[in-house]
Each structure stands twice: as C-alpha cells, then as structure tokens.
Amino acid sequence: MMNSTVIILLAVVVIAVVMNIVTFALYAMDKSRAQKNQWRIKEATLITCGFLMGGLGAFLGMKILRHKTQHTMFKILVPLAMLLNGGVIVLALFLLYS
C-alpha cells in the first residue's frame, strides 16, 4: 500500500502532465482561432492555466506555436508560472524524501 506522500507526489505529477497538455492545446486552439478571425480564448484563461500547473505547456505554446510572444504580460507571467510549478514539484519531492 502506498503512503500519503507517494500519493501526493503522483497526484502532482499527473495533474502537471494533464494541465500542460490542456494548456498547450488551448494555446493551439487560440492561435488557430486568431488566424481565422474567430472567437478567442481569454488571455486570463491562458495565463490562469499556466499557473494551475500548466506553465510548461504555456511556454511551449508560446515558443513552438509562436503565439502571444509579443505580449509583455505573457513574457513575464508564463516564466513565473513555470517557476512556481517547478517549486510545487520540488516541494512534493521534498515531502516524499524527507
């Protein structure tokens, strides 16, 4: 049987993987909609997903898709989200091995 710290670590990893995939997909959808002059995903939604463990997905969406790269808010907040997401993972690892 797994102890609670292993479950927490696994939960953090699963949440991070899912949120990064979802966030990257949102950036891809928004980029596609922008090119077609369709209804767009709110910038606040894109940023929020980055802070909800989707920071890497947001960063990759910016770099790979070249989307939102000229917006100062995204240039600052997406790397910050990545740092905070990394901090959560480090904290989970610390809890596991302490």
PDB file of N, CA and C in Angstrom:
ATOM      1  N   MET A   1       0.849  -1.193   0.000  1.00  0.00           N
ATOM      2  CA  MET A   1       0.000   0.000   0.000  1.00  0.00           C
ATOM      3  C   MET A   1       0.886   1.245   0.000  1.00  0.00           C
ATOM      4  N   MET A   2       0.479   2.255  -0.744  1.00  0.00           N
ATOM      5  CA  MET A   2       1.273   3.484  -0.840  1.00  0.00           C
ATOM      6  C   MET A   2       0.962   4.407   0.336  1.00  0.00           C
ATOM      7  N   ASN A   3       2.017   5.101   0.797  1.00  0.00           N
ATOM      8  CA  ASN A   3       1.769   6.068   1.860  1.00  0.00           C
ATOM      9  C   ASN A   3       1.312   7.395   1.251  1.00  0.00           C
ATOM     10  N   SER A   4       0.886   8.312   2.084  1.00  0.00           N
ATOM     11  CA  SER A   4       0.262   9.548   1.610  1.00  0.00           C
ATOM     12  C   SER A   4       1.217  10.438   0.821  1.00  0.00           C
ATOM     13  N   THR A   5       2.502  10.458   1.135  1.00  0.00           N
ATOM     14  CA  THR A   5       3.419  11.323   0.382  1.00  0.00           C
ATOM     15  C   THR A   5       3.621  10.822  -1.041  1.00  0.00           C
ATOM     16  N   VAL A   6       3.640   9.508  -1.230  1.00  0.00           N
ATOM     17  CA  VAL A   6       3.757   8.959  -2.585  1.00  0.00           C
ATOM     18  C   VAL A   6       2.504   9.309  -3.382  1.00  0.00           C
ATOM     19  N   ILE A   7       1.351   9.227  -2.760  1.00  0.00           N
ATOM     20  CA  ILE A   7       0.097   9.581  -3.429  1.00  0.00           C
ATOM     21  C   ILE A   7       0.096  11.056  -3.807  1.00  0.00           C
ATOM     22  N   ILE A   8       0.578  11.913  -2.917  1.00  0.00           N
ATOM     23  CA  ILE A   8       0.652  13.348  -3.208  1.00  0.00           C
ATOM     24  C   ILE A   8       1.578  13.596  -4.389  1.00  0.00           C
ATOM     25  N   LEU A   9       2.742  12.970  -4.381  1.00  0.00           N
ATOM     26  CA  LEU A   9       3.684  13.144  -5.484  1.00  0.00           C
ATOM     27  C   LEU A   9       3.087  12.664  -6.798  1.00  0.00           C
ATOM     28  N   LEU A  10       2.474  11.513  -6.798  1.00  0.00           N
ATOM     29  CA  LEU A  10       1.845  11.007  -8.013  1.00  0.00           C
ATOM     30  C   LEU A  10       0.734  11.932  -8.494  1.00  0.00           C
ATOM     31  N   ALA A  11      -0.050  12.455  -7.568  1.00  0.00           N
ATOM     32  CA  ALA A  11      -1.127  13.377  -7.922  1.00  0.00           C
ATOM     33  C   ALA A  11      -0.566  14.644  -8.561  1.00  0.00           C
ATOM     34  N   VAL A  12       0.503  15.176  -7.995  1.00  0.00           N
ATOM     35  CA  VAL A  12       1.128  16.382  -8.546  1.00  0.00           C
ATOM     36  C   VAL A  12       1.641  16.119  -9.957  1.00  0.00           C
ATOM     37  N   VAL A  13       2.280  14.977 -10.163  1.00  0.00           N
ATOM     38  CA  VAL A  13       2.815  14.641 -11.491  1.00  0.00           C
ATOM     39  C   VAL A  13       1.687  14.472 -12.497  1.00  0.00           C
ATOM     40  N   VAL A  14       0.647  13.748 -12.136  1.00  0.00           N
ATOM     41  CA  VAL A  14      -0.477  13.536 -13.054  1.00  0.00           C
ATOM     42  C   VAL A  14      -1.157  14.860 -13.387  1.00  0.00           C
ATOM     43  N   ILE A  15      -1.395  15.674 -12.373  1.00  0.00           N
ATOM     44  CA  ILE A  15      -2.023  16.982 -12.596  1.00  0.00           C
ATOM     45  C   ILE A  15      -1.145  17.837 -13.514  1.00  0.00           C
ATOM     46  N   ALA A  16       0.156  17.843 -13.274  1.00  0.00           N
ATOM     47  CA  ALA A  16       1.071  18.639 -14.098  1.00  0.00           C
ATOM     48  C   ALA A  16       1.053  18.173 -15.552  1.00  0.00           C
ATOM     49  N   VAL A  17       1.110  16.880 -15.774  1.00  0.00           N
ATOM     50  CA  VAL A  17       1.105  16.357 -17.147  1.00  0.00           C
ATOM     51  C   VAL A  17      -0.199  16.727 -17.859  1.00  0.00           C
ATOM     52  N   VAL A  18      -1.320  16.480 -17.202  1.00  0.00           N
ATOM     53  CA  VAL A  18      -2.622  16.777 -17.810  1.00  0.00           C
ATOM     54  C   VAL A  18      -2.767  18.273 -18.076  1.00  0.00           C
ATOM     55  N   MET A  19      -2.426  19.096 -17.097  1.00  0.00           N
ATOM     56  CA  MET A  19      -2.590  20.547 -17.268  1.00  0.00           C
ATOM     57  C   MET A  19      -1.666  21.107 -18.347  1.00  0.00           C
ATOM     58  N   ASN A  20      -0.469  20.561 -18.473  1.00  0.00           N
ATOM     59  CA  ASN A  20       0.421  21.040 -19.524  1.00  0.00           C
ATOM     60  C   ASN A  20      -0.105  20.680 -20.909  1.00  0.00           C
ATOM     61  N   ILE A  21      -0.665  19.499 -21.048  1.00  0.00           N
ATOM     62  CA  ILE A  21      -1.271  19.108 -22.323  1.00  0.00           C
ATOM     63  C   ILE A  21      -2.478  19.991 -22.640  1.00  0.00           C
ATOM     64  N   VAL A  22      -3.340  20.193 -21.648  1.00  0.00           N
ATOM     65  CA  VAL A  22      -4.525  21.034 -21.826  1.00  0.00           C
ATOM     66  C   VAL A  22      -4.125  22.461 -22.177  1.00  0.00           C
ATOM     67  N   THR A  23      -3.148  23.000 -21.463  1.00  0.00           N
ATOM     68  CA  THR A  23      -2.718  24.382 -21.696  1.00  0.00           C
ATOM     69  C   THR A  23      -2.127  24.551 -23.082  1.00  0.00           C
ATOM     70  N   PHE A  24      -1.273  23.623 -23.500  1.00  0.00           N
ATOM     71  CA  PHE A  24      -0.714  23.689 -24.849  1.00  0.00           C
ATOM     72  C   PHE A  24      -1.834  23.622 -25.883  1.00  0.00           C
ATOM     73  N   ALA A  25      -2.811  22.755 -25.664  1.00  0.00           N
ATOM     74  CA  ALA A  25      -3.943  22.637 -26.598  1.00  0.00           C
ATOM     75  C   ALA A  25      -4.738  23.941 -26.656  1.00  0.00           C
ATOM     76  N   LEU A  26      -4.914  24.607 -25.523  1.00  0.00           N
ATOM     77  CA  LEU A  26      -5.624  25.892 -25.520  1.00  0.00           C
ATOM     78  C   LEU A  26      -4.870  26.947 -26.321  1.00  0.00           C
ATOM     79  N   TYR A  27      -3.545  26.976 -26.186  1.00  0.00           N
ATOM     80  CA  TYR A  27      -2.745  27.914 -26.968  1.00  0.00           C
ATOM     81  C   TYR A  27      -2.882  27.604 -28.458  1.00  0.00           C
ATOM     82  N   ALA A  28      -2.886  26.315 -28.810  1.00  0.00           N
ATOM     83  CA  ALA A  28      -3.034  25.921 -30.212  1.00  0.00           C
ATOM     84  C   ALA A  28      -4.410  26.319 -30.745  1.00  0.00           C
ATOM     85  N   MET A  29      -5.454  26.095 -29.939  1.00  0.00           N
ATOM     86  CA  MET A  29      -6.805  26.476 -30.360  1.00  0.00           C
ATOM     87  C   MET A  29      -6.917  27.986 -30.526  1.00  0.00           C
ATOM     88  N   ASP A  30      -6.344  28.740 -29.599  1.00  0.00           N
ATOM     89  CA  ASP A  30      -6.423  30.196 -29.679  1.00  0.00           C
ATOM     90  C   ASP A  30      -5.667  30.711 -30.899  1.00  0.00           C
ATOM     91  N   LYS A  31      -4.518  30.123 -31.181  1.00  0.00           N
ATOM     92  CA  LYS A  31      -3.739  30.522 -32.358  1.00  0.00           C
ATOM     93  C   LYS A  31      -4.548  30.248 -33.626  1.00  0.00           C
ATOM     94  N   SER A  32      -5.161  29.081 -33.710  1.00  0.00           N
ATOM     95  CA  SER A  32      -5.965  28.722 -34.874  1.00  0.00           C
ATOM     96  C   SER A  32      -7.152  29.671 -35.033  1.00  0.00           C
ATOM     97  N   ARG A  33      -7.809  29.969 -33.930  1.00  0.00           N
ATOM     98  CA  ARG A  33      -8.950  30.887 -33.977  1.00  0.00           C
ATOM     99  C   ARG A  33      -8.521  32.291 -34.362  1.00  0.00           C
ATOM    100  N   ALA A  34      -7.354  32.701 -33.910  1.00  0.00           N
ATOM    101  CA  ALA A  34      -6.856  34.038 -34.263  1.00  0.00           C
ATOM    102  C   ALA A  34      -6.633  34.133 -35.771  1.00  0.00           C
ATOM    103  N   GLN A  35      -6.095  33.090 -36.352  1.00  0.00           N
ATOM    104  CA  GLN A  35      -5.824  33.085 -37.791  1.00  0.00           C
ATOM    105  C   GLN A  35      -7.107  33.082 -38.615  1.00  0.00           C
ATOM    106  N   LYS A  36      -8.200  32.583 -38.027  1.00  0.00           N
ATOM    107  CA  LYS A  36      -9.487  32.502 -38.738  1.00  0.00           C
ATOM    108  C   LYS A  36     -10.448  33.621 -38.346  1.00  0.00           C
ATOM    109  N   ASN A  37      -9.970  34.590 -37.553  1.00  0.00           N
ATOM    110  CA  ASN A  37     -10.807  35.680 -37.044  1.00  0.00           C
ATOM    111  C   ASN A  37     -12.059  35.168 -36.340  1.00  0.00           C
ATOM    112  N   GLN A  38     -11.897  34.147 -35.521  1.00  0.00           N
ATOM    113  CA  GLN A  38     -12.997  33.575 -34.755  1.00  0.00           C
ATOM    114  C   GLN A  38     -12.912  34.009 -33.299  1.00  0.00           C
ATOM    115  N   TRP A  39     -13.926  33.599 -32.522  1.00  0.00           N
ATOM    116  CA  TRP A  39     -13.964  33.879 -31.097  1.00  0.00           C
ATOM    117  C   TRP A  39     -12.700  33.325 -30.447  1.00  0.00           C
ATOM    118  N   ARG A  40     -12.110  34.126 -29.559  1.00  0.00           N
ATOM    119  CA  ARG A  40     -10.815  33.791 -28.960  1.00  0.00           C
ATOM    120  C   ARG A  40     -10.964  33.357 -27.509  1.00  0.00           C
ATOM    121  N   ILE A  41      -9.957  32.639 -27.041  1.00  0.00           N
ATOM    122  CA  ILE A  41      -9.868  32.265 -25.626  1.00  0.00           C
ATOM    123  C   ILE A  41      -9.314  33.473 -24.873  1.00  0.00           C
ATOM    124  N   LYS A  42      -9.905  33.780 -23.726  1.00  0.00           N
ATOM    125  CA  LYS A  42      -9.473  34.949 -22.959  1.00  0.00           C
ATOM    126  C   LYS A  42      -8.015  34.789 -22.520  1.00  0.00           C
ATOM    127  N   GLU A  43      -7.289  35.899 -22.565  1.00  0.00           N
ATOM    128  CA  GLU A  43      -5.896  35.877 -22.121  1.00  0.00           C
ATOM    129  C   GLU A  43      -5.792  35.446 -20.669  1.00  0.00           C
ATOM    130  N   ALA A  44      -6.751  35.880 -19.851  1.00  0.00           N
ATOM    131  CA  ALA A  44      -6.744  35.492 -18.436  1.00  0.00           C
ATOM    132  C   ALA A  44      -6.856  33.975 -18.280  1.00  0.00           C
ATOM    133  N   THR A  45      -7.607  33.342 -19.154  1.00  0.00           N
ATOM    134  CA  THR A  45      -7.741  31.882 -19.107  1.00  0.00           C
ATOM    135  C   THR A  45      -6.418  31.213 -19.448  1.00  0.00           C
ATOM    136  N   LEU A  46      -5.738  31.718 -20.470  1.00  0.00           N
ATOM    137  CA  LEU A  46      -4.451  31.152 -20.869  1.00  0.00           C
ATOM    138  C   LEU A  46      -3.424  31.298 -19.745  1.00  0.00           C
ATOM    139  N   ILE A  47      -3.380  32.464 -19.134  1.00  0.00           N
ATOM    140  CA  ILE A  47      -2.439  32.712 -18.033  1.00  0.00           C
ATOM    141  C   ILE A  47      -2.790  31.848 -16.819  1.00  0.00           C
ATOM    142  N   THR A  48      -4.072  31.788 -16.477  1.00  0.00           N
ATOM    143  CA  THR A  48      -4.504  31.014 -15.315  1.00  0.00           C
ATOM    144  C   THR A  48      -4.134  29.541 -15.467  1.00  0.00           C
ATOM    145  N   CYS A  49      -4.342  28.996 -16.663  1.00  0.00           N
ATOM    146  CA  CYS A  49      -3.975  27.591 -16.893  1.00  0.00           C
ATOM    147  C   CYS A  49      -2.476  27.382 -16.683  1.00  0.00           C
ATOM    148  N   GLY A  50      -1.680  28.372 -17.044  1.00  0.00           N
ATOM    149  CA  GLY A  50      -0.244  28.278 -16.800  1.00  0.00           C
ATOM    150  C   GLY A  50       0.079  28.177 -15.323  1.00  0.00           C
ATOM    151  N   PHE A  51      -0.639  28.933 -14.513  1.00  0.00           N
ATOM    152  CA  PHE A  51      -0.395  28.908 -13.072  1.00  0.00           C
ATOM    153  C   PHE A  51      -0.999  27.681 -12.396  1.00  0.00           C
ATOM    154  N   LEU A  52      -1.939  27.025 -13.051  1.00  0.00           N
ATOM    155  CA  LEU A  52      -2.545  25.809 -12.494  1.00  0.00           C
ATOM    156  C   LEU A  52      -1.804  24.575 -12.991  1.00  0.00           C
ATOM    157  N   MET A  53      -0.497  24.608 -12.879  1.00  0.00           N
ATOM    158  CA  MET A  53       0.420  23.518 -13.232  1.00  0.00           C
ATOM    159  C   MET A  53       0.585  23.329 -14.735  1.00  0.00           C
ATOM    160  N   GLY A  54       0.219  24.331 -15.552  1.00  0.00           N
ATOM    161  CA  GLY A  54       0.387  24.224 -16.989  1.00  0.00           C
ATOM    162  C   GLY A  54       1.427  25.184 -17.531  1.00  0.00           C
ATOM    163  N   GLY A  55       2.382  25.584 -16.698  1.00  0.00           N
ATOM    164  CA  GLY A  55       3.386  26.565 -17.103  1.00  0.00           C
ATOM    165  C   GLY A  55       4.240  26.123 -18.278  1.00  0.00           C
ATOM    166  N   LEU A  56       4.664  24.876 -18.277  1.00  0.00           N
ATOM    167  CA  LEU A  56       5.484  24.370 -19.379  1.00  0.00           C
ATOM    168  C   LEU A  56       4.670  24.319 -20.664  1.00  0.00           C
ATOM    169  N   GLY A  57       3.421  23.903 -20.580  1.00  0.00           N
ATOM    170  CA  GLY A  57       2.549  23.882 -21.756  1.00  0.00           C
ATOM    171  C   GLY A  57       2.347  25.273 -22.329  1.00  0.00           C
ATOM    172  N   ALA A  58       2.197  26.272 -21.445  1.00  0.00           N
ATOM    173  CA  ALA A  58       2.058  27.658 -21.892  1.00  0.00           C
ATOM    174  C   ALA A  58       3.340  28.128 -22.567  1.00  0.00           C
ATOM    175  N   PHE A  59       4.470  27.825 -21.949  1.00  0.00           N
ATOM    176  CA  PHE A  59       5.758  28.230 -22.516  1.00  0.00           C
ATOM    177  C   PHE A  59       5.976  27.584 -23.882  1.00  0.00           C
ATOM    178  N   LEU A  60       5.707  26.292 -23.980  1.00  0.00           N
ATOM    179  CA  LEU A  60       5.871  25.607 -25.263  1.00  0.00           C
ATOM    180  C   LEU A  60       4.878  26.122 -26.302  1.00  0.00           C
ATOM    181  N   GLY A  61       3.678  26.457 -25.859  1.00  0.00           N
ATOM    182  CA  GLY A  61       2.699  27.053 -26.767  1.00  0.00           C
ATOM    183  C   GLY A  61       3.189  28.377 -27.324  1.00  0.00           C
ATOM    184  N   MET A  62       3.826  29.149 -26.482  1.00  0.00           N
ATOM    185  CA  MET A  62       4.384  30.427 -26.942  1.00  0.00           C
ATOM    186  C   MET A  62       5.534  30.201 -27.919  1.00  0.00           C
ATOM    187  N   LYS A  63       6.435  29.291 -27.575  1.00  0.00           N
ATOM    188  CA  LYS A  63       7.652  29.105 -28.370  1.00  0.00           C
ATOM    189  C   LYS A  63       7.401  28.297 -29.650  1.00  0.00           C
ATOM    190  N   ILE A  64       6.744  27.160 -29.521  1.00  0.00           N
ATOM    191  CA  ILE A  64       6.533  26.298 -30.682  1.00  0.00           C
ATOM    192  C   ILE A  64       5.523  26.906 -31.647  1.00  0.00           C
ATOM    193  N   LEU A  65       4.418  27.419 -31.098  1.00  0.00           N
ATOM    194  CA  LEU A  65       3.351  27.967 -31.941  1.00  0.00           C
ATOM    195  C   LEU A  65       3.566  29.439 -32.273  1.00  0.00           C
ATOM    196  N   ARG A  66       4.555  30.046 -31.632  1.00  0.00           N
ATOM    197  CA  ARG A  66       4.817  31.488 -31.757  1.00  0.00           C
ATOM    198  C   ARG A  66       3.528  32.284 -31.526  1.00  0.00           C
ATOM    199  N   HIS A  67       2.925  32.010 -30.372  1.00  0.00           N
ATOM    200  CA  HIS A  67       1.655  32.637 -30.022  1.00  0.00           C
ATOM    201  C   HIS A  67       1.819  33.427 -28.725  1.00  0.00           C
ATOM    202  N   LYS A  68       1.364  34.653 -28.731  1.00  0.00           N
ATOM    203  CA  LYS A  68       1.414  35.557 -27.575  1.00  0.00           C
ATOM    204  C   LYS A  68       2.844  35.945 -27.195  1.00  0.00           C
ATOM    205  N   THR A  69       3.773  35.855 -28.119  1.00  0.00           N
ATOM    206  CA  THR A  69       5.174  36.134 -27.801  1.00  0.00           C
ATOM    207  C   THR A  69       5.480  37.624 -27.705  1.00  0.00           C
ATOM    208  N   GLN A  70       4.611  38.466 -28.215  1.00  0.00           N
ATOM    209  CA  GLN A  70       4.851  39.903 -28.170  1.00  0.00           C
ATOM    210  C   GLN A  70       4.133  40.592 -27.013  1.00  0.00           C
ATOM    211  N   HIS A  71       3.381  39.840 -26.238  1.00  0.00           N
ATOM    212  CA  HIS A  71       2.636  40.408 -25.122  1.00  0.00           C
ATOM    213  C   HIS A  71       3.505  40.406 -23.863  1.00  0.00           C
ATOM    214  N   THR A  72       3.753  41.577 -23.319  1.00  0.00           N
ATOM    215  CA  THR A  72       4.606  41.706 -22.127  1.00  0.00           C
ATOM    216  C   THR A  72       4.083  40.874 -20.970  1.00  0.00           C
ATOM    217  N   MET A  73       2.764  40.876 -20.787  1.00  0.00           N
ATOM    218  CA  MET A  73       2.178  40.121 -19.682  1.00  0.00           C
ATOM    219  C   MET A  73       2.544  38.633 -19.801  1.00  0.00           C
ATOM    220  N   PHE A  74       2.516  38.097 -20.997  1.00  0.00           N
ATOM    221  CA  PHE A  74       2.844  36.685 -21.206  1.00  0.00           C
ATOM    222  C   PHE A  74       4.340  36.443 -21.042  1.00  0.00           C
ATOM    223  N   LYS A  75       5.155  37.385 -21.493  1.00  0.00           N
ATOM    224  CA  LYS A  75       6.613  37.245 -21.355  1.00  0.00           C
ATOM    225  C   LYS A  75       7.038  37.168 -19.896  1.00  0.00           C
ATOM    226  N   ILE A  76       6.283  37.815 -19.023  1.00  0.00           N
ATOM    227  CA  ILE A  76       6.615  37.843 -17.596  1.00  0.00           C
ATOM    228  C   ILE A  76       5.919  36.705 -16.839  1.00  0.00           C
ATOM    229  N   LEU A  77       4.620  36.553 -17.065  1.00  0.00           N
ATOM    230  CA  LEU A  77       3.845  35.637 -16.244  1.00  0.00           C
ATOM    231  C   LEU A  77       4.050  34.163 -16.593  1.00  0.00           C
ATOM    232  N   VAL A  78       4.276  33.842 -17.851  1.00  0.00           N
ATOM    233  CA  VAL A  78       4.458  32.432 -18.205  1.00  0.00           C
ATOM    234  C   VAL A  78       5.744  31.866 -17.580  1.00  0.00           C
ATOM    235  N   PRO A  79       6.894  32.549 -17.679  1.00  0.00           N
ATOM    236  CA  PRO A  79       8.068  32.020 -16.967  1.00  0.00           C
ATOM    237  C   PRO A  79       7.862  31.964 -15.453  1.00  0.00           C
ATOM    238  N   LEU A  80       7.155  32.938 -14.895  1.00  0.00           N
ATOM    239  CA  LEU A  80       6.854  32.909 -13.462  1.00  0.00           C
ATOM    240  C   LEU A  80       6.006  31.689 -13.121  1.00  0.00           C
ATOM    241  N   ALA A  81       5.026  31.389 -13.956  1.00  0.00           N
ATOM    242  CA  ALA A  81       4.192  30.200 -13.737  1.00  0.00           C
ATOM    243  C   ALA A  81       5.039  28.937 -13.777  1.00  0.00           C
ATOM    244  N   MET A  82       5.981  28.880 -14.724  1.00  0.00           N
ATOM    245  CA  MET A  82       6.862  27.717 -14.805  1.00  0.00           C
ATOM    246  C   MET A  82       7.680  27.566 -13.525  1.00  0.00           C
ATOM    247  N   LEU A  83       8.201  28.661 -13.015  1.00  0.00           N
ATOM    248  CA  LEU A  83       8.981  28.613 -11.778  1.00  0.00           C
ATOM    249  C   LEU A  83       8.138  28.131 -10.601  1.00  0.00           C
ATOM    250  N   LEU A  84       6.936  28.671 -10.489  1.00  0.00           N
ATOM    251  CA  LEU A  84       6.066  28.263  -9.388  1.00  0.00           C
ATOM    252  C   LEU A  84       5.653  26.795  -9.530  1.00  0.00           C
ATOM    253  N   ASN A  85       5.365  26.358 -10.761  1.00  0.00           N
ATOM    254  CA  ASN A  85       5.033  24.949 -10.994  1.00  0.00           C
ATOM    255  C   ASN A  85       6.200  24.065 -10.587  1.00  0.00           C
ATOM    256  N   GLY A  86       7.406  24.472 -10.964  1.00  0.00           N
ATOM    257  CA  GLY A  86       8.600  23.718 -10.575  1.00  0.00           C
ATOM    258  C   GLY A  86       8.759  23.674  -9.073  1.00  0.00           C
ATOM    259  N   GLY A  87       8.452  24.774  -8.402  1.00  0.00           N
ATOM    260  CA  GLY A  87       8.518  24.817  -6.943  1.00  0.00           C
ATOM    261  C   GLY A  87       7.558  23.833  -6.294  1.00  0.00           C
ATOM    262  N   VAL A  88       6.378  23.706  -6.864  1.00  0.00           N
ATOM    263  CA  VAL A  88       5.408  22.744  -6.334  1.00  0.00           C
ATOM    264  C   VAL A  88       5.940  21.320  -6.483  1.00  0.00           C
ATOM    265  N   ILE A  89       6.544  21.032  -7.630  1.00  0.00           N
ATOM    266  CA  ILE A  89       7.100  19.695  -7.850  1.00  0.00           C
ATOM    267  C   ILE A  89       8.270  19.430  -6.902  1.00  0.00           C
ATOM    268  N   VAL A  90       9.143  20.427  -6.719  1.00  0.00           N
ATOM    269  CA  VAL A  90      10.262  20.274  -5.780  1.00  0.00           C
ATOM    270  C   VAL A  90       9.733  20.059  -4.371  1.00  0.00           C
ATOM    271  N   LEU A  91       8.706  20.792  -3.986  1.00  0.00           N
ATOM    272  CA  LEU A  91       8.111  20.620  -2.654  1.00  0.00           C
ATOM    273  C   LEU A  91       7.541  19.211  -2.499  1.00  0.00           C
ATOM    274  N   ALA A  92       6.882  18.720  -3.526  1.00  0.00           N
ATOM    275  CA  ALA A  92       6.335  17.360  -3.467  1.00  0.00           C
ATOM    276  C   ALA A  92       7.459  16.334  -3.325  1.00  0.00           C
ATOM    277  N   LEU A  93       8.555  16.545  -4.061  1.00  0.00           N
ATOM    278  CA  LEU A  93       9.709  15.633  -3.934  1.00  0.00           C
ATOM    279  C   LEU A  93      10.323  15.725  -2.543  1.00  0.00           C
ATOM    280  N   PHE A  94      10.415  16.928  -2.020  1.00  0.00           N
ATOM    281  CA  PHE A  94      10.951  17.120  -0.667  1.00  0.00           C
ATOM    282  C   PHE A  94      10.111  16.358   0.352  1.00  0.00           C
ATOM    283  N   LEU A  95       8.781  16.470   0.217  1.00  0.00           N
ATOM    284  CA  LEU A  95       7.905  15.750   1.129  1.00  0.00           C
ATOM    285  C   LEU A  95       8.079  14.240   1.005  1.00  0.00           C
ATOM    286  N   LEU A  96       8.314  13.793  -0.210  1.00  0.00           N
ATOM    287  CA  LEU A  96       8.471  12.362  -0.422  1.00  0.00           C
ATOM    288  C   LEU A  96       9.742  11.834   0.222  1.00  0.00           C
ATOM    289  N   TYR A  97      10.821  12.596   0.117  1.00  0.00           N
ATOM    290  CA  TYR A  97      12.122  12.092   0.585  1.00  0.00           C
ATOM    291  C   TYR A  97      12.553  12.620   1.949  1.00  0.00           C
ATOM    292  N   SER A  98      11.671  13.315   2.646  1.00  0.00           N
ATOM    293  CA  SER A  98      12.066  13.813   3.972  1.00  0.00           C
ATOM    294  C   SER A  98      11.498  12.957   5.074  1.00  0.00           C
TER     295      SER A  98
END
